[in-house]
Amino acid sequence: PALDVVQQTPARSREPSSTWSTNKRPAPVIDLTV
């Protein structure tokens, strides 16, 4: 169960559109292509 949490965290952080729809504080998004 702990491994599943770690693997699912980046997947959720790559969806900025969904993070702004909640009241929780969004995680910072860093664009590595610049």
All heavy atoms as atom14 arrays in JSON, in Angstrom:
{
  "sequence": "PALDVVQQTPARSREPSSTWSTNKRPAPVIDLTV",
  "atom14_mask": [
    [1, 1, 1, 1, 1, 1, 1, 0, 0, 0, 0, 0, 0, 0],
    [1, 1, 1, 1, 1, 0, 0, 0, 0, 0, 0, 0, 0, 0],
    [1, 1, 1, 1, 1, 1, 1, 1, 0, 0, 0, 0, 0, 0],
    [1, 1, 1, 1, 1, 1, 1, 1, 0, 0, 0, 0, 0, 0],
    [1, 1, 1, 1, 1, 1, 1, 0, 0, 0, 0, 0, 0, 0],
    [1, 1, 1, 1, 1, 1, 1, 0, 0, 0, 0, 0, 0, 0],
    [1, 1, 1, 1, 1, 1, 1, 1, 1, 0, 0, 0, 0, 0],
    [1, 1, 1, 1, 1, 1, 1, 1, 1, 0, 0, 0, 0, 0],
    [1, 1, 1, 1, 1, 1, 1, 0, 0, 0, 0, 0, 0, 0],
    [1, 1, 1, 1, 1, 1, 1, 0, 0, 0, 0, 0, 0, 0],
    [1, 1, 1, 1, 1, 0, 0, 0, 0, 0, 0, 0, 0, 0],
    [1, 1, 1, 1, 1, 1, 1, 1, 1, 1, 1, 0, 0, 0],
    [1, 1, 1, 1, 1, 1, 0, 0, 0, 0, 0, 0, 0, 0],
    [1, 1, 1, 1, 1, 1, 1, 1, 1, 1, 1, 0, 0, 0],
    [1, 1, 1, 1, 1, 1, 1, 1, 1, 0, 0, 0, 0, 0],
    [1, 1, 1, 1, 1, 1, 1, 0, 0, 0, 0, 0, 0, 0],
    [1, 1, 1, 1, 1, 1, 0, 0, 0, 0, 0, 0, 0, 0],
    [1, 1, 1, 1, 1, 1, 0, 0, 0, 0, 0, 0, 0, 0],
    [1, 1, 1, 1, 1, 1, 1, 0, 0, 0, 0, 0, 0, 0],
    [1, 1, 1, 1, 1, 1, 1, 1, 1, 1, 1, 1, 1, 1],
    [1, 1, 1, 1, 1, 1, 0, 0, 0, 0, 0, 0, 0, 0],
    [1, 1, 1, 1, 1, 1, 1, 0, 0, 0, 0, 0, 0, 0],
    [1, 1, 1, 1, 1, 1, 1, 1, 0, 0, 0, 0, 0, 0],
    [1, 1, 1, 1, 1, 1, 1, 1, 1, 0, 0, 0, 0, 0],
    [1, 1, 1, 1, 1, 1, 1, 1, 1, 1, 1, 0, 0, 0],
    [1, 1, 1, 1, 1, 1, 1, 0, 0, 0, 0, 0, 0, 0],
    [1, 1, 1, 1, 1, 0, 0, 0, 0, 0, 0, 0, 0, 0],
    [1, 1, 1, 1, 1, 1, 1, 0, 0, 0, 0, 0, 0, 0],
    [1, 1, 1, 1, 1, 1, 1, 0, 0, 0, 0, 0, 0, 0],
    [1, 1, 1, 1, 1, 1, 1, 1, 0, 0, 0, 0, 0, 0],
    [1, 1, 1, 1, 1, 1, 1, 1, 0, 0, 0, 0, 0, 0],
    [1, 1, 1, 1, 1, 1, 1, 1, 0, 0, 0, 0, 0, 0],
    [1, 1, 1, 1, 1, 1, 1, 0, 0, 0, 0, 0, 0, 0],
    [1, 1, 1, 1, 1, 1, 1, 0, 0, 0, 0, 0, 0, 0]
  ],
  "atom14_positions": [
    [[0.82, -1.23, 0.0], [0.0, 0.0, 0.0], [0.84, 1.27, 0.0], [0.47, 2.24, -0.63], [-0.81, -0.13, 1.29], [-0.87, -1.59, 1.55], [0.45, -2.12, 1.08], [0.0, 0.0, 0.0], [0.0, 0.0, 0.0], [0.0, 0.0, 0.0], [0.0, 0.0, 0.0], [0.0, 0.0, 0.0], [0.0, 0.0, 0.0], [0.0, 0.0, 0.0]],
    [[1.98, 1.27, 0.68], [2.84, 2.47, 0.68], [3.42, 2.73, -0.68], [3.55, 3.87, -1.12], [3.95, 2.3, 1.72], [0.0, 0.0, 0.0], [0.0, 0.0, 0.0], [0.0, 0.0, 0.0], [0.0, 0.0, 0.0], [0.0, 0.0, 0.0], [0.0, 0.0, 0.0], [0.0, 0.0, 0.0], [0.0, 0.0, 0.0], [0.0, 0.0, 0.0]],
    [[3.83, 1.67, -1.41], [4.37, 1.85, -2.76], [3.33, 2.4, -3.7], [3.63, 3.22, -4.57], [4.89, 0.5, -3.28], [6.11, -0.07, -2.52], [6.45, -1.45, -3.06], [7.31, 0.86, -2.65], [0.0, 0.0, 0.0], [0.0, 0.0, 0.0], [0.0, 0.0, 0.0], [0.0, 0.0, 0.0], [0.0, 0.0, 0.0], [0.0, 0.0, 0.0]],
    [[2.12, 1.97, -3.57], [1.06, 2.48, -4.44], [0.87, 3.97, -4.25], [0.64, 4.72, -5.19], [-0.24, 1.75, -4.16], [-0.13, 0.27, -4.56], [0.77, -0.02, -5.36], [-0.93, -0.55, -4.07], [0.0, 0.0, 0.0], [0.0, 0.0, 0.0], [0.0, 0.0, 0.0], [0.0, 0.0, 0.0], [0.0, 0.0, 0.0], [0.0, 0.0, 0.0]],
    [[0.98, 4.44, -3.0], [0.81, 5.87, -2.74], [1.92, 6.68, -3.4], [1.7, 7.73, -3.97], [0.75, 6.12, -1.22], [0.69, 7.6, -0.91], [-0.47, 5.41, -0.63], [0.0, 0.0, 0.0], [0.0, 0.0, 0.0], [0.0, 0.0, 0.0], [0.0, 0.0, 0.0], [0.0, 0.0, 0.0], [0.0, 0.0, 0.0], [0.0, 0.0, 0.0]],
    [[3.12, 6.17, -3.32], [4.26, 6.9, -3.9], [4.15, 6.97, -5.4], [4.42, 7.97, -6.03], [5.58, 6.23, -3.48], [6.75, 6.88, -4.18], [5.74, 6.31, -1.98], [0.0, 0.0, 0.0], [0.0, 0.0, 0.0], [0.0, 0.0, 0.0], [0.0, 0.0, 0.0], [0.0, 0.0, 0.0], [0.0, 0.0, 0.0], [0.0, 0.0, 0.0]],
    [[3.7, 5.88, -6.05], [3.59, 5.86, -7.5], [2.44, 6.71, -7.99], [2.47, 7.26, -9.08], [3.41, 4.42, -7.97], [4.66, 3.57, -7.72], [4.43, 2.12, -8.09], [3.34, 1.77, -8.51], [5.46, 1.31, -7.91], [0.0, 0.0, 0.0], [0.0, 0.0, 0.0], [0.0, 0.0, 0.0], [0.0, 0.0, 0.0], [0.0, 0.0, 0.0]],
    [[1.4, 6.84, -7.2], [0.25, 7.61, -7.66], [0.41, 9.1, -7.43], [-0.31, 9.88, -8.02], [-1.0, 7.13, -6.93], [-1.39, 5.69, -7.3], [-2.53, 5.19, -6.48], [-3.07, 5.96, -5.7], [-2.89, 3.94, -6.67], [0.0, 0.0, 0.0], [0.0, 0.0, 0.0], [0.0, 0.0, 0.0], [0.0, 0.0, 0.0], [0.0, 0.0, 0.0]],
    [[1.36, 9.53, -6.6], [1.49, 10.96, -6.3], [1.9, 11.77, -7.51], [1.29, 12.79, -7.79], [2.49, 11.14, -5.15], [1.99, 10.41, -4.02], [2.64, 12.6, -4.8], [0.0, 0.0, 0.0], [0.0, 0.0, 0.0], [0.0, 0.0, 0.0], [0.0, 0.0, 0.0], [0.0, 0.0, 0.0], [0.0, 0.0, 0.0], [0.0, 0.0, 0.0]],
    [[2.92, 11.38, -8.32], [3.27, 12.19, -9.49], [2.15, 12.25, -10.5], [1.95, 13.24, -11.17], [4.5, 11.48, -10.05], [5.05, 10.71, -8.91], [3.89, 10.3, -8.12], [0.0, 0.0, 0.0], [0.0, 0.0, 0.0], [0.0, 0.0, 0.0], [0.0, 0.0, 0.0], [0.0, 0.0, 0.0], [0.0, 0.0, 0.0], [0.0, 0.0, 0.0]],
    [[1.4, 11.17, -10.61], [0.32, 11.17, -11.59], [-0.72, 12.19, -11.26], [-1.27, 12.85, -12.12], [-0.3, 9.77, -11.67], [0.0, 0.0, 0.0], [0.0, 0.0, 0.0], [0.0, 0.0, 0.0], [0.0, 0.0, 0.0], [0.0, 0.0, 0.0], [0.0, 0.0, 0.0], [0.0, 0.0, 0.0], [0.0, 0.0, 0.0], [0.0, 0.0, 0.0]],
    [[-1.0, 12.37, -10.0], [-1.98, 13.38, -9.62], [-1.42, 14.79, -9.78], [-2.14, 15.73, -10.03], [-2.42, 13.13, -8.17], [-3.26, 11.86, -8.0], [-3.95, 11.88, -6.66], [-2.98, 11.89, -5.57], [-2.54, 10.8, -4.97], [-2.95, 9.61, -5.37], [-1.66, 10.89, -3.97], [0.0, 0.0, 0.0], [0.0, 0.0, 0.0], [0.0, 0.0, 0.0]],
    [[-0.07, 14.95, -9.59], [0.52, 16.29, -9.67], [0.62, 16.79, -11.1], [0.85, 17.96, -11.32], [1.92, 16.28, -9.04], [2.76, 15.41, -9.79], [0.0, 0.0, 0.0], [0.0, 0.0, 0.0], [0.0, 0.0, 0.0], [0.0, 0.0, 0.0], [0.0, 0.0, 0.0], [0.0, 0.0, 0.0], [0.0, 0.0, 0.0], [0.0, 0.0, 0.0]],
    [[0.47, 15.92, -12.09], [0.54, 16.34, -13.49], [-0.79, 16.83, -14.02], [-0.95, 17.05, -15.2], [1.02, 15.17, -14.35], [2.47, 14.8, -14.07], [2.91, 13.66, -14.96], [4.26, 13.25, -14.64], [5.36, 13.79, -15.17], [5.24, 14.78, -16.02], [6.55, 13.36, -14.85], [0.0, 0.0, 0.0], [0.0, 0.0, 0.0], [0.0, 0.0, 0.0]],
    [[-1.78, 17.0, -13.23], [-3.1, 17.46, -13.67], [-3.42, 18.77, -12.99], [-4.11, 18.81, -11.98], [-4.17, 16.42, -13.35], [-3.92, 15.07, -14.04], [-4.95, 14.06, -13.69], [-5.85, 14.41, -12.89], [-4.89, 12.92, -14.17], [0.0, 0.0, 0.0], [0.0, 0.0, 0.0], [0.0, 0.0, 0.0], [0.0, 0.0, 0.0], [0.0, 0.0, 0.0]],
    [[-2.89, 19.87, -13.52], [-3.14, 21.17, -12.88], [-4.59, 21.59, -12.95], [-5.09, 22.3, -12.12], [-2.23, 22.13, -13.64], [-2.03, 21.48, -14.96], [-2.02, 20.01, -14.71], [0.0, 0.0, 0.0], [0.0, 0.0, 0.0], [0.0, 0.0, 0.0], [0.0, 0.0, 0.0], [0.0, 0.0, 0.0], [0.0, 0.0, 0.0], [0.0, 0.0, 0.0]],
    [[-5.31, 21.14, -13.98], [-6.69, 21.57, -14.12], [-7.55, 21.02, -12.99], [-8.49, 21.66, -12.54], [-7.26, 21.12, -15.46], [-7.19, 19.7, -15.56], [0.0, 0.0, 0.0], [0.0, 0.0, 0.0], [0.0, 0.0, 0.0], [0.0, 0.0, 0.0], [0.0, 0.0, 0.0], [0.0, 0.0, 0.0], [0.0, 0.0, 0.0], [0.0, 0.0, 0.0]],
    [[-7.19, 19.82, -12.54], [-7.99, 19.24, -11.47], [-7.61, 19.77, -10.11], [-8.4, 19.78, -9.2], [-7.86, 17.71, -11.49], [-6.51, 17.35, -11.26], [0.0, 0.0, 0.0], [0.0, 0.0, 0.0], [0.0, 0.0, 0.0], [0.0, 0.0, 0.0], [0.0, 0.0, 0.0], [0.0, 0.0, 0.0], [0.0, 0.0, 0.0], [0.0, 0.0, 0.0]],
    [[-6.36, 20.21, -9.96], [-5.94, 20.71, -8.65], [-6.58, 22.03, -8.33], [-6.85, 22.34, -7.18], [-4.42, 20.85, -8.6], [-4.01, 21.68, -9.67], [-3.77, 19.5, -8.75], [0.0, 0.0, 0.0], [0.0, 0.0, 0.0], [0.0, 0.0, 0.0], [0.0, 0.0, 0.0], [0.0, 0.0, 0.0], [0.0, 0.0, 0.0], [0.0, 0.0, 0.0]],
    [[-6.82, 22.85, -9.33], [-7.43, 24.15, -9.06], [-8.93, 24.05, -8.78], [-9.55, 25.01, -8.35], [-7.22, 25.09, -10.27], [-5.8, 25.53, -10.41], [-4.88, 25.08, -11.29], [-5.16, 26.52, -9.62], [-3.67, 25.7, -11.12], [-3.81, 26.62, -10.09], [-5.56, 27.35, -8.55], [-2.89, 27.48, -9.55], [-4.64, 28.21, -8.02], [-3.31, 28.27, -8.51]],
    [[-9.5, 22.91, -9.02], [-10.93, 22.77, -8.78], [-11.25, 22.43, -7.33], [-12.39, 22.36, -6.96], [-11.52, 21.67, -9.67], [-10.91, 20.43, -9.35], [0.0, 0.0, 0.0], [0.0, 0.0, 0.0], [0.0, 0.0, 0.0], [0.0, 0.0, 0.0], [0.0, 0.0, 0.0], [0.0, 0.0, 0.0], [0.0, 0.0, 0.0], [0.0, 0.0, 0.0]],
    [[-10.23, 22.24, -6.52], [-10.45, 21.92, -5.11], [-10.04, 23.09, -4.25], [-9.35, 24.0, -4.69], [-9.65, 20.67, -4.73], [-8.28, 20.94, -4.93], [-10.05, 19.47, -5.58], [0.0, 0.0, 0.0], [0.0, 0.0, 0.0], [0.0, 0.0, 0.0], [0.0, 0.0, 0.0], [0.0, 0.0, 0.0], [0.0, 0.0, 0.0], [0.0, 0.0, 0.0]],
    [[-10.41, 23.04, -3.03], [-10.05, 24.08, -2.08], [-8.71, 23.85, -1.45], [-8.24, 24.66, -0.66], [-11.12, 24.17, -0.98], [-12.46, 24.61, -1.55], [-12.48, 25.37, -2.53], [-13.54, 24.14, -0.95], [0.0, 0.0, 0.0], [0.0, 0.0, 0.0], [0.0, 0.0, 0.0], [0.0, 0.0, 0.0], [0.0, 0.0, 0.0], [0.0, 0.0, 0.0]],
    [[-8.12, 22.68, -1.7], [-6.83, 22.4, -1.11], [-5.73, 23.18, -1.85], [-5.86, 23.54, -3.0], [-6.53, 20.9, -1.17], [-7.51, 20.08, -0.31], [-7.13, 18.63, -0.38], [-8.08, 17.82, 0.48], [-7.75, 16.38, 0.45], [0.0, 0.0, 0.0], [0.0, 0.0, 0.0], [0.0, 0.0, 0.0], [0.0, 0.0, 0.0], [0.0, 0.0, 0.0]],
    [[-4.67, 23.4, -1.12], [-3.53, 24.14, -1.7], [-2.84, 23.28, -2.75], [-2.42, 22.17, -2.47], [-2.56, 24.51, -0.6], [-1.39, 25.35, -1.08], [-0.5, 25.68, 0.09], [-1.25, 26.43, 1.07], [-0.78, 26.7, 2.3], [0.41, 26.27, 2.67], [-1.51, 27.39, 3.16], [0.0, 0.0, 0.0], [0.0, 0.0, 0.0], [0.0, 0.0, 0.0]],
    [[-2.72, 23.8, -4.0], [-2.1, 22.98, -5.06], [-0.6, 22.9, -4.86], [0.04, 23.79, -4.32], [-2.48, 23.71, -6.34], [-2.64, 25.12, -5.92], [-3.2, 25.1, -4.52], [0.0, 0.0, 0.0], [0.0, 0.0, 0.0], [0.0, 0.0, 0.0], [0.0, 0.0, 0.0], [0.0, 0.0, 0.0], [0.0, 0.0, 0.0], [0.0, 0.0, 0.0]],
    [[-0.07, 21.78, -5.33], [1.39, 21.62, -5.28], [2.04, 22.42, -6.39], [1.46, 22.64, -7.46], [1.74, 20.14, -5.44], [0.0, 0.0, 0.0], [0.0, 0.0, 0.0], [0.0, 0.0, 0.0], [0.0, 0.0, 0.0], [0.0, 0.0, 0.0], [0.0, 0.0, 0.0], [0.0, 0.0, 0.0], [0.0, 0.0, 0.0], [0.0, 0.0, 0.0]],
    [[3.24, 22.93, -6.18], [3.92, 23.73, -7.22], [4.26, 22.88, -8.45], [4.63, 21.71, -8.33], [5.18, 24.22, -6.52], [5.4, 23.24, -5.41], [4.06, 22.82, -4.98], [0.0, 0.0, 0.0], [0.0, 0.0, 0.0], [0.0, 0.0, 0.0], [0.0, 0.0, 0.0], [0.0, 0.0, 0.0], [0.0, 0.0, 0.0], [0.0, 0.0, 0.0]],
    [[4.05, 23.48, -9.62], [4.33, 22.81, -10.91], [5.61, 23.4, -11.49], [5.72, 24.62, -11.69], [3.15, 23.0, -11.89], [3.45, 22.32, -13.2], [1.88, 22.45, -11.27], [0.0, 0.0, 0.0], [0.0, 0.0, 0.0], [0.0, 0.0, 0.0], [0.0, 0.0, 0.0], [0.0, 0.0, 0.0], [0.0, 0.0, 0.0], [0.0, 0.0, 0.0]],
    [[6.56, 22.56, -11.75], [7.85, 22.98, -12.29], [7.97, 22.45, -13.71], [7.85, 21.24, -13.95], [9.01, 22.46, -11.42], [8.84, 22.99, -9.98], [10.35, 22.88, -12.0], [9.85, 22.42, -9.01], [0.0, 0.0, 0.0], [0.0, 0.0, 0.0], [0.0, 0.0, 0.0], [0.0, 0.0, 0.0], [0.0, 0.0, 0.0], [0.0, 0.0, 0.0]],
    [[8.13, 23.34, -14.64], [8.28, 22.96, -16.05], [9.76, 22.75, -16.34], [10.55, 23.69, -16.32], [7.7, 24.05, -16.95], [7.58, 23.58, -18.4], [7.95, 22.42, -18.69], [7.1, 24.38, -19.22], [0.0, 0.0, 0.0], [0.0, 0.0, 0.0], [0.0, 0.0, 0.0], [0.0, 0.0, 0.0], [0.0, 0.0, 0.0], [0.0, 0.0, 0.0]],
    [[10.14, 21.52, -16.59], [11.54, 21.18, -16.85], [11.94, 21.36, -18.3], [13.11, 21.16, -18.66], [11.79, 19.73, -16.43], [11.51, 19.41, -14.94], [11.77, 17.95, -14.67], [12.33, 20.28, -14.03], [0.0, 0.0, 0.0], [0.0, 0.0, 0.0], [0.0, 0.0, 0.0], [0.0, 0.0, 0.0], [0.0, 0.0, 0.0], [0.0, 0.0, 0.0]],
    [[11.0, 21.74, -19.18], [11.33, 21.91, -20.62], [11.89, 23.28, -20.93], [12.35, 23.54, -22.03], [10.07, 21.7, -21.46], [9.07, 22.64, -21.04], [9.51, 20.28, -21.21], [0.0, 0.0, 0.0], [0.0, 0.0, 0.0], [0.0, 0.0, 0.0], [0.0, 0.0, 0.0], [0.0, 0.0, 0.0], [0.0, 0.0, 0.0], [0.0, 0.0, 0.0]],
    [[11.86, 24.22, -19.97], [12.38, 25.58, -20.21], [13.89, 25.55, -20.05], [14.42, 25.04, -19.05], [11.74, 26.57, -19.23], [12.24, 27.96, -19.48], [10.22, 26.51, -19.36], [0.0, 0.0, 0.0], [0.0, 0.0, 0.0], [0.0, 0.0, 0.0], [0.0, 0.0, 0.0], [0.0, 0.0, 0.0], [0.0, 0.0, 0.0], [0.0, 0.0, 0.0]]
  ]
}
